[in-house]
N, C-alpha and C. Protein backbone atom coordinates (compact mmCIF):
# COMPACT_ATOMS: atom_id res chain seq x y z
N MET A 1 0.93 -1.18 0.03
CA MET A 1 0.09 0.09 -0.08
C MET A 1 0.97 1.35 0.01
N LEU A 2 0.48 2.20 -0.86
CA LEU A 2 1.30 3.41 -0.99
C LEU A 2 0.78 4.45 0.04
N THR A 3 1.50 5.40 0.32
CA THR A 3 1.40 6.47 1.20
C THR A 3 0.00 7.52 1.02
N ALA A 4 -0.04 7.43 -0.47
CA ALA A 4 -1.19 8.30 -0.99
C ALA A 4 -2.50 7.55 -0.42
N GLU A 5 -2.66 6.35 -0.34
CA GLU A 5 -3.84 5.84 -0.06
C GLU A 5 -4.33 5.85 1.63
N LEU A 6 -3.37 6.53 2.20
CA LEU A 6 -3.78 6.63 3.64
C LEU A 6 -3.75 8.20 4.32
N ILE A 7 -3.70 9.03 3.21
CA ILE A 7 -3.80 10.39 3.56
C ILE A 7 -4.70 10.63 4.24
N ASN A 8 -4.73 11.62 5.31
CA ASN A 8 -5.92 12.23 6.10
C ASN A 8 -5.90 13.63 5.98
N THR A 9 -7.08 14.13 5.54
CA THR A 9 -6.84 15.55 5.34
C THR A 9 -7.62 16.50 6.45
N SER A 10 -8.40 15.80 7.41
CA SER A 10 -9.06 16.45 8.50
C SER A 10 -7.97 16.84 9.39
N ILE A 11 -6.70 16.75 9.52
CA ILE A 11 -5.50 17.19 10.28
C ILE A 11 -5.32 18.64 9.87
N PRO A 12 -5.39 19.72 10.76
CA PRO A 12 -5.24 21.14 10.29
C PRO A 12 -4.01 21.44 9.92
N ARG A 13 -3.75 22.36 9.12
CA ARG A 13 -2.24 22.89 8.86
C ARG A 13 -2.09 24.13 9.28
N LEU A 14 -0.96 24.55 9.79
CA LEU A 14 -0.59 25.88 10.26
C LEU A 14 -0.08 26.63 9.13
N GLN A 15 -0.54 28.08 9.15
CA GLN A 15 0.32 29.19 8.27
C GLN A 15 1.04 29.85 9.27
N LEU A 16 2.20 30.68 8.42
CA LEU A 16 3.01 31.42 9.17
C LEU A 16 2.47 32.48 10.05
N GLN A 17 1.43 32.98 9.96
CA GLN A 17 0.73 33.98 10.70
C GLN A 17 0.00 33.36 11.77
N ASP A 18 -0.27 32.01 12.04
CA ASP A 18 -0.80 31.65 13.19
C ASP A 18 0.09 31.68 14.38
N THR A 19 -0.49 31.72 15.41
CA THR A 19 0.26 31.96 16.64
C THR A 19 0.64 30.61 17.38
N VAL A 20 1.33 30.84 18.34
CA VAL A 20 1.49 29.73 19.50
C VAL A 20 0.25 29.24 19.91
N SER A 21 -0.39 30.18 20.57
CA SER A 21 -1.54 29.92 21.19
C SER A 21 -2.47 28.76 20.31
N LYS A 22 -2.87 29.39 19.21
CA LYS A 22 -3.58 28.70 18.22
C LYS A 22 -2.90 27.40 17.93
N ALA A 23 -1.92 27.27 17.85
CA ALA A 23 -1.17 25.77 17.68
C ALA A 23 -1.19 24.70 18.62
N LEU A 24 -1.29 25.37 19.80
CA LEU A 24 -1.13 24.59 21.15
C LEU A 24 -2.94 24.20 21.11
N ARG A 25 -3.58 24.86 20.86
CA ARG A 25 -5.00 24.57 20.99
C ARG A 25 -5.17 23.38 19.79
N LEU A 26 -4.94 23.80 18.80
CA LEU A 26 -5.19 22.50 17.65
C LEU A 26 -4.42 21.15 17.82
N ILE A 27 -3.14 21.31 18.62
CA ILE A 27 -2.53 20.21 18.99
C ILE A 27 -3.34 19.38 20.02
N ASN A 28 -3.91 19.91 20.87
CA ASN A 28 -4.43 19.62 21.82
C ASN A 28 -6.07 18.99 21.34
N ASP A 29 -6.72 19.86 20.50
CA ASP A 29 -8.02 19.32 19.92
C ASP A 29 -8.05 18.15 19.32
N PHE A 30 -6.80 18.02 18.45
CA PHE A 30 -6.50 16.77 17.46
C PHE A 30 -5.77 15.88 17.95
N ARG A 31 -5.35 15.83 19.33
CA ARG A 31 -4.36 14.99 20.01
C ARG A 31 -3.06 14.24 19.06
N VAL A 32 -2.44 15.42 18.54
CA VAL A 32 -1.29 14.91 17.86
C VAL A 32 -0.04 15.65 18.65
N THR A 33 1.01 15.17 18.35
CA THR A 33 2.35 15.72 18.87
C THR A 33 3.00 16.70 17.92
N HIS A 34 2.61 17.16 16.74
CA HIS A 34 3.06 17.99 15.76
C HIS A 34 1.99 18.44 14.71
N LEU A 35 2.20 19.59 14.01
CA LEU A 35 1.25 20.12 13.00
C LEU A 35 2.17 20.77 12.03
N PRO A 36 1.83 20.38 10.74
CA PRO A 36 2.45 20.84 9.69
C PRO A 36 2.22 22.28 9.57
N VAL A 37 3.12 23.13 8.69
CA VAL A 37 3.12 24.45 8.52
C VAL A 37 3.38 24.43 7.25
N VAL A 38 2.42 25.44 6.42
CA VAL A 38 2.47 25.67 5.06
C VAL A 38 2.48 27.15 4.41
N SER A 39 2.90 27.54 3.48
CA SER A 39 2.81 28.88 3.11
C SER A 39 2.52 28.51 1.50
N ALA A 40 1.48 29.13 1.28
CA ALA A 40 0.91 29.21 -0.24
C ALA A 40 0.86 27.59 -0.80
N ASP A 41 0.49 26.57 0.04
CA ASP A 41 0.47 25.39 -0.05
C ASP A 41 1.74 24.62 -0.24
N LYS A 42 3.04 25.58 0.11
CA LYS A 42 4.20 24.62 0.01
C LYS A 42 4.67 24.00 1.36
N TYR A 43 5.15 23.08 1.59
CA TYR A 43 5.29 22.56 2.75
C TYR A 43 6.69 23.26 3.61
N LEU A 44 6.52 23.66 4.96
CA LEU A 44 7.64 24.28 5.38
C LEU A 44 8.23 23.46 6.48
N GLY A 45 7.61 22.64 6.91
CA GLY A 45 7.95 21.88 8.20
C GLY A 45 6.80 21.41 9.14
N MET A 46 7.37 20.93 10.11
CA MET A 46 6.48 20.64 11.15
C MET A 46 6.98 21.30 12.62
N ILE A 47 5.95 21.88 13.37
CA ILE A 47 6.25 22.42 14.60
C ILE A 47 5.62 21.36 15.77
N SER A 48 6.58 21.13 16.58
CA SER A 48 6.02 20.03 17.79
C SER A 48 5.34 20.54 19.09
N GLU A 49 4.80 20.22 19.84
CA GLU A 49 3.96 20.43 21.15
C GLU A 49 5.19 20.91 22.02
N ASN A 50 6.18 20.27 21.89
CA ASN A 50 7.58 20.66 22.98
C ASN A 50 8.09 22.01 22.70
N ASP A 51 8.13 22.04 21.41
CA ASP A 51 8.72 23.56 21.09
C ASP A 51 7.99 24.76 21.32
N LEU A 52 6.53 24.26 21.15
CA LEU A 52 5.52 25.43 21.23
C LEU A 52 5.40 25.57 22.83
N LEU A 53 5.55 24.85 23.75
CA LEU A 53 5.41 24.64 25.13
C LEU A 53 6.47 25.54 25.89
N ASP A 54 7.55 25.37 24.83
CA ASP A 54 8.75 26.07 25.30
C ASP A 54 8.74 27.74 25.22
N LYS A 55 7.93 28.19 24.51
CA LYS A 55 7.71 29.42 24.02
C LYS A 55 6.94 30.36 25.25
N ASP A 56 7.47 31.32 25.73
CA ASP A 56 6.88 32.36 26.56
C ASP A 56 5.81 33.12 25.95
N ASP A 57 5.94 33.49 24.80
CA ASP A 57 4.99 34.71 24.04
C ASP A 57 4.14 33.54 23.24
N LEU A 58 2.85 33.39 23.95
CA LEU A 58 1.86 32.88 23.15
C LEU A 58 1.43 33.60 21.74
N LYS A 59 1.46 34.80 21.73
CA LYS A 59 1.19 35.47 20.58
C LYS A 59 2.14 35.21 19.40
N ALA A 60 3.15 34.69 19.77
CA ALA A 60 4.29 34.73 18.70
C ALA A 60 3.89 33.87 17.62
N THR A 61 4.38 34.18 16.45
CA THR A 61 3.88 33.53 15.14
C THR A 61 4.95 32.30 14.72
N MET A 62 4.07 31.60 13.94
CA MET A 62 4.84 30.50 13.28
C MET A 62 6.08 30.99 12.37
N GLU A 63 6.25 32.55 11.88
CA GLU A 63 7.07 32.82 11.25
C GLU A 63 8.46 33.11 11.87
N LEU A 64 8.29 33.34 13.13
CA LEU A 64 9.19 33.66 14.09
C LEU A 64 9.98 32.27 14.83
N LEU A 65 9.29 31.22 14.39
CA LEU A 65 9.59 29.83 15.00
C LEU A 65 10.28 28.97 13.96
N GLN A 66 10.66 29.67 12.89
CA GLN A 66 11.00 28.49 11.81
C GLN A 66 12.17 27.59 12.00
N ASP A 67 13.11 28.22 12.94
CA ASP A 67 14.30 27.59 13.30
C ASP A 67 13.88 26.12 14.10
N ASP A 68 12.56 26.15 14.49
CA ASP A 68 12.30 24.95 15.35
C ASP A 68 11.93 23.87 14.38
N PHE A 69 11.33 24.08 12.96
CA PHE A 69 10.65 23.32 12.32
C PHE A 69 11.31 22.06 11.93
N LEU A 70 10.76 20.91 12.09
CA LEU A 70 11.37 19.76 11.64
C LEU A 70 10.94 19.62 10.03
N ARG A 71 11.86 19.84 9.19
CA ARG A 71 11.69 20.05 7.67
C ARG A 71 11.33 18.73 6.87
N ALA A 72 11.43 17.46 7.48
CA ALA A 72 11.48 16.43 6.81
C ALA A 72 9.85 15.82 6.51
N SER A 73 9.64 15.28 5.24
CA SER A 73 8.65 14.64 4.97
C SER A 73 8.73 13.40 4.08
N ILE A 74 7.55 13.07 3.52
CA ILE A 74 7.97 11.66 2.64
C ILE A 74 7.12 12.04 1.62
N LYS A 75 7.46 11.16 0.29
CA LYS A 75 6.45 11.36 -0.78
C LYS A 75 5.31 10.69 -0.89
N GLU A 76 4.34 10.95 -1.71
CA GLU A 76 3.06 10.12 -1.68
C GLU A 76 3.20 8.83 -2.38
N ASN A 77 4.04 8.75 -3.27
CA ASN A 77 4.29 7.22 -3.85
C ASN A 77 5.12 6.40 -3.59
N VAL A 78 5.31 6.57 -1.98
CA VAL A 78 6.26 5.41 -1.70
C VAL A 78 5.21 4.34 -0.77
N HIS A 79 6.21 3.31 -0.29
CA HIS A 79 5.29 2.12 0.44
C HIS A 79 5.01 2.90 1.98
N PHE A 80 3.85 2.38 2.37
CA PHE A 80 3.52 3.00 3.70
C PHE A 80 4.44 2.57 4.76
N LEU A 81 5.38 1.50 4.66
CA LEU A 81 6.26 1.25 5.90
C LEU A 81 7.43 2.32 5.86
N THR A 82 7.30 3.24 4.59
CA THR A 82 8.27 4.19 5.10
C THR A 82 7.86 5.55 5.88
N ALA A 83 6.40 5.35 6.01
CA ALA A 83 5.64 6.28 6.86
C ALA A 83 5.92 5.67 8.40
N VAL A 84 5.93 4.67 8.73
CA VAL A 84 5.99 3.80 9.69
C VAL A 84 7.45 4.15 10.31
N ASN A 85 8.55 4.00 9.63
CA ASN A 85 9.84 4.43 9.91
C ASN A 85 10.05 5.93 10.25
N PHE A 86 9.48 6.78 9.34
CA PHE A 86 9.39 8.25 9.78
C PHE A 86 8.81 8.27 11.27
N SER A 87 7.79 7.86 11.42
CA SER A 87 6.98 8.11 12.78
C SER A 87 7.93 7.64 14.03
N ASN A 88 8.53 6.22 13.61
CA ASN A 88 9.45 5.75 14.65
C ASN A 88 10.61 6.73 15.01
N GLN A 89 11.21 7.21 13.82
CA GLN A 89 12.30 8.09 13.87
C GLN A 89 12.25 9.31 14.47
N PHE A 90 11.22 9.76 14.15
CA PHE A 90 11.06 11.46 14.69
C PHE A 90 10.28 11.53 16.02
N GLU A 91 9.53 10.44 16.03
CA GLU A 91 8.74 10.22 17.49
C GLU A 91 7.45 11.26 17.23
N THR A 92 6.75 11.03 16.00
CA THR A 92 5.75 11.86 15.75
C THR A 92 4.43 11.15 15.53
N THR A 93 3.16 11.68 15.95
CA THR A 93 1.97 10.96 15.60
C THR A 93 1.35 11.36 14.29
N ILE A 94 1.95 12.28 13.44
CA ILE A 94 1.65 12.43 12.09
C ILE A 94 2.65 12.20 11.33
N VAL A 95 2.58 12.05 9.91
CA VAL A 95 3.63 11.90 9.02
C VAL A 95 3.33 12.89 7.77
N PRO A 96 4.03 13.84 7.48
CA PRO A 96 3.71 14.78 6.46
C PRO A 96 3.83 14.29 5.07
N ILE A 97 3.21 14.45 4.27
CA ILE A 97 3.20 14.00 2.69
C ILE A 97 3.50 15.30 1.71
N ALA A 98 4.41 15.24 1.08
CA ALA A 98 4.45 16.29 -0.08
C ALA A 98 4.93 15.50 -1.21
N ASN A 99 4.54 16.30 -2.27
CA ASN A 99 4.80 15.73 -3.69
C ASN A 99 6.30 16.16 -4.09
N ILE A 100 6.81 15.92 -5.45
CA ILE A 100 7.94 16.27 -5.83
C ILE A 100 8.43 17.83 -5.97
N ASN A 101 7.15 18.34 -6.00
CA ASN A 101 7.24 19.87 -6.07
C ASN A 101 7.18 20.62 -4.65
N ASN A 102 7.15 19.72 -3.38
CA ASN A 102 7.19 20.22 -2.10
C ASN A 102 5.55 20.72 -1.74
N ASP A 103 4.78 20.49 -2.52
CA ASP A 103 3.24 20.93 -2.59
C ASP A 103 2.97 19.88 -0.93
N PHE A 104 2.16 20.65 -0.31
CA PHE A 104 1.63 19.74 0.84
C PHE A 104 0.43 18.97 0.48
N VAL A 105 0.53 17.78 0.70
CA VAL A 105 -0.58 17.06 0.33
C VAL A 105 -1.36 16.38 1.50
N GLY A 106 -1.01 16.41 2.53
CA GLY A 106 -1.75 15.99 3.71
C GLY A 106 -0.77 15.33 4.75
N VAL A 107 -1.31 14.45 6.05
CA VAL A 107 -0.53 13.93 6.93
C VAL A 107 -1.07 12.16 6.83
N ILE A 108 -0.52 11.43 7.40
CA ILE A 108 -0.68 10.09 7.83
C ILE A 108 -0.96 10.04 9.37
N THR A 109 -1.95 9.56 9.91
CA THR A 109 -1.92 9.58 11.37
C THR A 109 -1.60 8.42 11.97
N LEU A 110 -0.98 8.53 13.22
CA LEU A 110 -0.49 7.19 13.64
C LEU A 110 -1.82 5.99 13.93
N PRO A 111 -2.69 6.42 14.15
CA PRO A 111 -3.97 5.10 14.15
C PRO A 111 -4.03 4.54 13.04
N ASP A 112 -4.17 5.34 11.80
CA ASP A 112 -4.14 4.87 10.44
C ASP A 112 -3.00 3.88 10.24
N LEU A 113 -1.87 4.40 10.72
CA LEU A 113 -0.88 3.54 10.26
C LEU A 113 -0.57 2.27 10.92
N LEU A 114 -1.11 2.38 12.30
CA LEU A 114 -1.21 1.32 13.18
C LEU A 114 -2.38 -0.17 12.62
N LYS A 115 -3.33 0.86 12.01
CA LYS A 115 -4.24 -0.22 11.46
C LYS A 115 -3.94 -0.78 10.39
N THR A 116 -3.15 -0.16 9.43
CA THR A 116 -2.66 -0.66 8.13
C THR A 116 -1.44 -1.74 8.55
N LEU A 117 -0.73 -1.21 9.50
CA LEU A 117 0.20 -2.28 9.79
C LEU A 117 -0.17 -3.72 10.41
N GLY A 118 -1.23 -3.60 10.89
CA GLY A 118 -1.91 -4.51 11.72
C GLY A 118 -2.35 -5.52 10.46
N ASN A 119 -3.20 -5.05 9.57
CA ASN A 119 -3.62 -5.75 8.43
C ASN A 119 -2.47 -6.39 7.63
N PHE A 120 -1.48 -5.42 7.39
CA PHE A 120 0.01 -5.92 6.65
C PHE A 120 0.41 -7.19 7.12
N SER A 121 0.44 -7.12 8.81
CA SER A 121 1.14 -8.32 9.39
C SER A 121 0.18 -9.53 9.64
N GLY A 122 -1.06 -9.30 9.24
CA GLY A 122 -1.76 -10.57 9.75
C GLY A 122 -2.31 -10.48 11.24
N ALA A 123 -2.12 -9.47 11.59
CA ALA A 123 -2.75 -9.38 13.10
C ALA A 123 -4.24 -9.53 13.19
N THR A 124 -5.09 -9.26 12.13
CA THR A 124 -6.33 -9.36 12.15
C THR A 124 -6.76 -10.87 12.13
N GLU A 125 -5.93 -11.86 11.48
CA GLU A 125 -6.10 -13.21 11.49
C GLU A 125 -5.70 -13.87 12.82
N ILE A 126 -6.77 -14.78 13.37
CA ILE A 126 -6.68 -15.47 14.67
C ILE A 126 -6.05 -16.64 14.38
N GLY A 127 -4.44 -16.94 14.79
CA GLY A 127 -3.86 -18.27 14.62
C GLY A 127 -2.81 -18.14 15.57
N GLY A 128 -1.83 -19.24 15.31
CA GLY A 128 -0.87 -19.56 16.28
C GLY A 128 0.41 -18.97 15.93
N ILE A 129 1.21 -18.42 17.02
CA ILE A 129 2.32 -17.73 16.86
C ILE A 129 3.82 -18.56 17.53
N ILE A 130 4.60 -18.69 16.59
CA ILE A 130 5.78 -19.05 16.90
C ILE A 130 7.03 -18.26 16.77
N VAL A 131 7.81 -18.19 17.99
CA VAL A 131 8.94 -17.42 17.88
C VAL A 131 10.41 -18.27 18.12
N MET A 132 11.22 -18.03 17.10
CA MET A 132 12.52 -18.90 17.11
C MET A 132 13.63 -18.20 17.14
N GLU A 133 14.65 -18.65 17.66
CA GLU A 133 16.08 -17.98 17.47
C GLU A 133 17.06 -19.03 17.01
N MET A 134 17.83 -18.12 15.83
CA MET A 134 18.86 -18.95 15.25
C MET A 134 19.78 -18.21 14.88
N GLU A 135 20.97 -18.97 14.29
CA GLU A 135 22.02 -18.11 13.46
C GLU A 135 21.58 -17.52 12.39
N ARG A 136 22.15 -16.69 11.70
CA ARG A 136 21.66 -16.01 10.69
C ARG A 136 21.90 -16.99 9.43
N VAL A 137 23.00 -17.72 9.50
CA VAL A 137 23.33 -18.75 8.22
C VAL A 137 22.09 -19.90 8.30
N LYS A 138 21.26 -20.25 9.31
CA LYS A 138 20.49 -21.09 9.22
C LYS A 138 19.19 -20.73 8.80
N PHE A 139 19.14 -19.65 8.83
CA PHE A 139 17.75 -18.95 8.27
C PHE A 139 17.33 -19.43 6.85
N SER A 140 16.34 -20.00 6.87
CA SER A 140 15.65 -20.34 5.26
C SER A 140 14.36 -20.25 5.30
N ILE A 141 13.81 -19.02 4.54
CA ILE A 141 12.22 -19.07 4.40
C ILE A 141 11.69 -20.43 3.70
N SER A 142 12.52 -20.75 2.70
CA SER A 142 11.82 -21.98 1.83
C SER A 142 11.48 -23.29 2.83
N GLU A 143 12.61 -23.55 3.58
CA GLU A 143 12.50 -24.62 4.62
C GLU A 143 11.44 -24.52 5.71
N ILE A 144 11.27 -23.13 6.16
CA ILE A 144 10.49 -22.83 7.21
C ILE A 144 8.87 -22.98 6.56
N SER A 145 8.71 -22.32 5.40
CA SER A 145 7.42 -22.57 4.74
C SER A 145 7.09 -24.04 4.59
N ARG A 146 8.05 -24.77 4.04
CA ARG A 146 7.85 -26.28 3.69
C ARG A 146 7.33 -26.87 5.03
N ILE A 147 7.99 -26.77 6.25
CA ILE A 147 7.50 -27.58 7.38
C ILE A 147 6.19 -26.97 7.94
N VAL A 148 6.02 -25.67 7.75
CA VAL A 148 4.63 -25.13 7.97
C VAL A 148 3.72 -26.03 7.21
N GLU A 149 3.88 -25.83 5.97
CA GLU A 149 2.83 -26.30 4.74
C GLU A 149 2.57 -27.64 5.06
N SER A 150 3.62 -28.51 5.40
CA SER A 150 3.53 -30.04 5.40
C SER A 150 2.77 -30.65 6.49
N ASN A 151 2.29 -29.51 7.60
CA ASN A 151 1.61 -29.74 8.32
C ASN A 151 0.14 -29.21 8.37
N GLU A 152 -0.16 -28.96 6.83
CA GLU A 152 -1.33 -28.27 6.64
C GLU A 152 -1.87 -27.12 7.39
N ALA A 153 -0.83 -26.24 7.16
CA ALA A 153 -0.97 -24.82 7.78
C ALA A 153 -0.56 -23.77 6.83
N THR A 154 -0.84 -22.67 6.91
CA THR A 154 -0.45 -21.59 5.94
C THR A 154 0.50 -20.34 6.83
N LEU A 155 1.71 -20.04 6.30
CA LEU A 155 2.34 -18.97 6.86
C LEU A 155 1.75 -17.88 6.55
N LEU A 156 1.11 -16.91 7.36
CA LEU A 156 0.60 -15.72 7.22
C LEU A 156 1.45 -14.63 7.17
N HIS A 157 2.32 -14.51 7.91
CA HIS A 157 3.37 -13.65 8.27
C HIS A 157 4.63 -14.15 8.83
N LEU A 158 5.77 -13.47 8.41
CA LEU A 158 7.11 -13.87 8.72
C LEU A 158 8.07 -12.61 9.05
N ASN A 159 8.44 -12.37 10.46
CA ASN A 159 9.03 -11.26 10.64
C ASN A 159 10.42 -11.51 11.43
N THR A 160 11.57 -10.93 11.14
CA THR A 160 12.81 -11.12 11.56
C THR A 160 13.36 -9.92 12.32
N THR A 161 14.12 -10.08 13.26
CA THR A 161 14.74 -9.10 13.89
C THR A 161 16.38 -9.62 14.75
N THR A 162 17.19 -8.93 14.81
CA THR A 162 18.35 -9.04 15.34
C THR A 162 18.67 -8.85 16.48
N ASN A 163 19.04 -9.80 17.35
CA ASN A 163 19.38 -9.51 18.71
C ASN A 163 20.72 -8.69 18.85
N PRO A 164 20.75 -7.38 19.18
CA PRO A 164 22.15 -6.65 19.18
C PRO A 164 23.23 -7.31 19.88
N ASP A 165 22.84 -8.04 20.99
CA ASP A 165 23.78 -8.79 22.03
C ASP A 165 24.41 -9.58 21.35
N THR A 166 23.60 -10.62 20.72
CA THR A 166 24.06 -11.81 20.70
C THR A 166 24.09 -12.12 18.96
N GLY A 167 23.76 -11.43 18.32
CA GLY A 167 23.78 -11.30 16.73
C GLY A 167 22.85 -12.46 16.41
N LEU A 168 22.11 -13.16 16.94
CA LEU A 168 21.25 -14.06 16.71
C LEU A 168 20.05 -13.40 16.19
N LEU A 169 19.11 -14.15 15.19
CA LEU A 169 18.09 -13.79 14.38
C LEU A 169 16.88 -14.38 15.25
N THR A 170 15.96 -13.56 15.46
CA THR A 170 14.95 -13.92 15.98
C THR A 170 13.72 -13.98 15.05
N VAL A 171 13.18 -14.95 14.61
CA VAL A 171 12.16 -15.37 13.69
C VAL A 171 10.73 -15.65 14.29
N THR A 172 9.76 -14.66 13.85
CA THR A 172 8.55 -14.58 14.32
C THR A 172 7.50 -15.38 13.27
N LEU A 173 6.60 -16.06 13.42
CA LEU A 173 5.85 -16.84 12.41
C LEU A 173 4.53 -16.58 12.92
N HIS A 174 3.58 -16.38 11.88
CA HIS A 174 2.05 -16.21 12.48
C HIS A 174 1.36 -16.99 11.56
N LEU A 175 0.79 -17.91 12.08
CA LEU A 175 0.18 -19.18 11.17
C LEU A 175 -1.48 -18.94 11.20
N ASN A 176 -1.74 -19.65 10.25
CA ASN A 176 -3.40 -19.56 10.13
C ASN A 176 -4.27 -20.81 10.65
N LYS A 177 -3.24 -21.45 11.73
CA LYS A 177 -3.89 -22.41 12.63
C LYS A 177 -3.75 -22.07 14.18
N LYS A 178 -4.87 -22.39 14.91
CA LYS A 178 -4.59 -22.41 16.33
C LYS A 178 -4.02 -23.31 17.04
N GLU A 179 -4.03 -24.50 16.39
CA GLU A 179 -3.66 -25.90 16.84
C GLU A 179 -2.32 -25.90 16.42
N ILE A 180 -1.11 -25.70 17.02
CA ILE A 180 0.05 -25.86 16.34
C ILE A 180 1.14 -26.86 16.88
N SER A 181 0.52 -27.76 17.97
CA SER A 181 1.49 -28.86 18.62
C SER A 181 2.42 -29.43 17.54
N ALA A 182 1.44 -29.95 16.46
CA ALA A 182 2.34 -30.76 15.31
C ALA A 182 3.40 -29.87 14.68
N ILE A 183 3.22 -28.86 14.59
CA ILE A 183 4.27 -27.89 13.78
C ILE A 183 5.49 -27.59 14.84
N LEU A 184 5.01 -27.49 15.87
CA LEU A 184 6.11 -27.19 16.91
C LEU A 184 6.91 -28.52 17.06
N ALA A 185 6.50 -29.70 17.09
CA ALA A 185 7.24 -30.92 17.11
C ALA A 185 8.20 -31.20 15.89
N ALA A 186 7.44 -30.71 14.60
CA ALA A 186 8.50 -30.64 13.53
C ALA A 186 9.59 -29.47 13.40
N PHE A 187 9.34 -28.63 13.90
CA PHE A 187 10.49 -27.64 14.03
C PHE A 187 11.59 -28.21 15.34
N GLU A 188 11.08 -28.82 16.10
CA GLU A 188 11.97 -29.24 17.00
C GLU A 188 12.74 -30.56 16.49
N ARG A 189 12.25 -31.49 15.75
CA ARG A 189 12.86 -32.53 14.96
C ARG A 189 13.88 -31.91 14.07
N TYR A 190 13.63 -30.78 13.59
CA TYR A 190 14.42 -30.02 12.63
C TYR A 190 15.79 -29.15 13.17
N GLU A 191 15.64 -29.40 14.66
CA GLU A 191 16.63 -28.88 15.59
C GLU A 191 16.52 -27.23 15.75
N TYR A 192 15.32 -26.66 15.56
CA TYR A 192 14.86 -25.31 15.57
C TYR A 192 14.69 -24.85 17.02
N ASP A 193 15.39 -23.78 17.42
CA ASP A 193 15.22 -23.40 19.06
C ASP A 193 13.87 -22.42 19.15
N VAL A 194 12.57 -23.19 19.45
CA VAL A 194 11.51 -22.46 19.66
C VAL A 194 11.85 -21.68 20.99
N ILE A 195 11.50 -20.50 21.18
CA ILE A 195 11.82 -19.83 22.42
C ILE A 195 10.37 -19.56 22.95
N TYR A 196 9.60 -19.14 22.07
CA TYR A 196 8.09 -18.95 22.77
C TYR A 196 6.96 -19.54 21.62
N ASP A 197 5.82 -19.77 22.04
CA ASP A 197 4.53 -19.90 21.12
C ASP A 197 3.39 -19.60 21.74
N PHE A 198 2.79 -19.36 21.09
CA PHE A 198 1.11 -18.88 21.68
C PHE A 198 0.04 -19.73 20.67
N SER A 199 -0.49 -20.72 21.54
CA SER A 199 -1.70 -21.39 20.61
C SER A 199 -2.98 -21.50 21.34
N GLU A 200 -3.98 -22.12 20.82
CA GLU A 200 -5.18 -22.27 21.22
C GLU A 200 -5.04 -23.51 22.52
N GLU A 201 -3.94 -24.49 22.23
CA GLU A 201 -3.69 -25.46 23.36
C GLU A 201 -3.21 -24.83 24.46
N LYS A 202 -1.98 -23.97 24.38
CA LYS A 202 -1.57 -23.44 25.62
C LYS A 202 -2.58 -22.65 26.30
N PHE A 203 -3.46 -21.71 25.46
CA PHE A 203 -4.46 -21.13 26.19
C PHE A 203 -5.36 -21.93 27.10
N GLU A 204 -5.84 -22.98 26.64
CA GLU A 204 -6.60 -23.85 27.27
C GLU A 204 -5.92 -24.53 28.53
N ASP A 205 -4.75 -24.80 28.35
CA ASP A 205 -3.92 -25.41 29.15
C ASP A 205 -3.78 -24.45 30.45
N ASN A 206 -3.44 -22.85 29.97
CA ASN A 206 -3.26 -21.99 31.34
C ASN A 206 -4.64 -22.01 31.92
N ILE A 207 -5.93 -22.19 31.30
CA ILE A 207 -7.14 -21.87 31.89
C ILE A 207 -7.42 -23.08 32.83
N ASP A 208 -7.01 -24.39 32.28
CA ASP A 208 -7.25 -25.63 33.11
C ASP A 208 -6.03 -25.16 34.27
N ILE A 209 -4.81 -24.86 34.15
CA ILE A 209 -4.00 -24.79 35.51
C ILE A 209 -4.43 -23.79 36.57
N ASN A 210 -4.97 -22.61 35.91
CA ASN A 210 -5.44 -21.53 36.61
C ASN A 210 -6.76 -22.04 37.58
N TYR A 211 -7.47 -22.76 36.93
CA TYR A 211 -8.55 -23.51 37.44
C TYR A 211 -8.11 -24.22 38.64
N LYS A 212 -7.31 -25.23 38.23
CA LYS A 212 -6.64 -26.13 39.50
C LYS A 212 -6.39 -25.53 40.53
N HIS A 213 -5.28 -24.29 40.31
CA HIS A 213 -4.87 -23.78 41.44
C HIS A 213 -5.83 -22.94 42.02
N LEU A 214 -6.90 -22.37 41.62
CA LEU A 214 -8.14 -21.79 42.21
C LEU A 214 -8.56 -22.90 43.16
N MET A 215 -8.96 -23.95 42.72
CA MET A 215 -9.57 -25.15 43.55
C MET A 215 -9.00 -25.38 44.55
N ASN A 216 -7.43 -25.58 44.33
CA ASN A 216 -6.55 -26.04 45.65
C ASN A 216 -6.76 -24.67 46.62
N TYR A 217 -6.46 -23.54 46.11
CA TYR A 217 -6.69 -22.49 47.24
C TYR A 217 -8.08 -22.71 47.97
N LEU A 218 -9.05 -22.80 47.20
CA LEU A 218 -10.50 -22.69 47.92
C LEU A 218 -10.54 -23.92 49.13
N ASP A 219 -9.55 -25.03 48.76
CA ASP A 219 -9.90 -26.30 49.63
C ASP A 219 -8.99 -26.04 50.89
N ILE A 220 -8.21 -24.99 50.75
CA ILE A 220 -7.22 -24.76 52.06
C ILE A 220 -8.29 -24.22 53.29
C-alpha cells in the first residue's frame, strides 16, 4: 500500500501567521504531537508541541519559529512502511506527505498507520504464533515454509529481528492454525530453537492450570 492511500486531510495545517496559542489549541484538540506548517501550499515543516510549550510568548507567530521546524517529509508514492519508519524515527503521531514539487498533500496519522500495519502483518487473523532464535546462516524461508505447509498450515506473516547483544536472528511466524503442536514438534525435529509460542492449546492449558490452582486454594 502506498502512502497516498492513507492520507488524512482532516488534520489542520498551520500558516506562518498563526500563533503559538492557536497551534497549541489545535494540537490539544486533535491529540497530535506535531502540526504541519505551510505557506502558499508549500510544505515548510512541522512544529512540535514540546517546542511550542517552550515559548513564553503565546502570541508569537510560526514565522518567528521557523528554526524549530522539523523539515522532513515523505513522498506520496512510497510504501507505507516508509511512513512507519518516519513516525518511529522522529517520534511523531503524524507523518507529513509532500509531492515532488514540495506541495503539501496531507498527513498520515498514527492510528491509521497502526491499523494498516496490523492488516499488513496479519494481526487480524487469529492463529498460532511461533518465535524461534537461530544463527543467520541457518535462516531459510523455503525450509520454514515447507515445514509449516507439510503440517497443513499456512504462513500468514514472517518477521525477523536481530538481537544486538548476541547477533542471533529472532524469527516470528504467524500461522493460520490455532492448534500448532504438530508444527512445534516438526520444528524441534529439525533442531530449531523455539523460544516462545502461543496457541489455542496453550491458552486452554493455562485456563485449566489456573482453575486447578483456584480449586486448591479454595480447599485450604
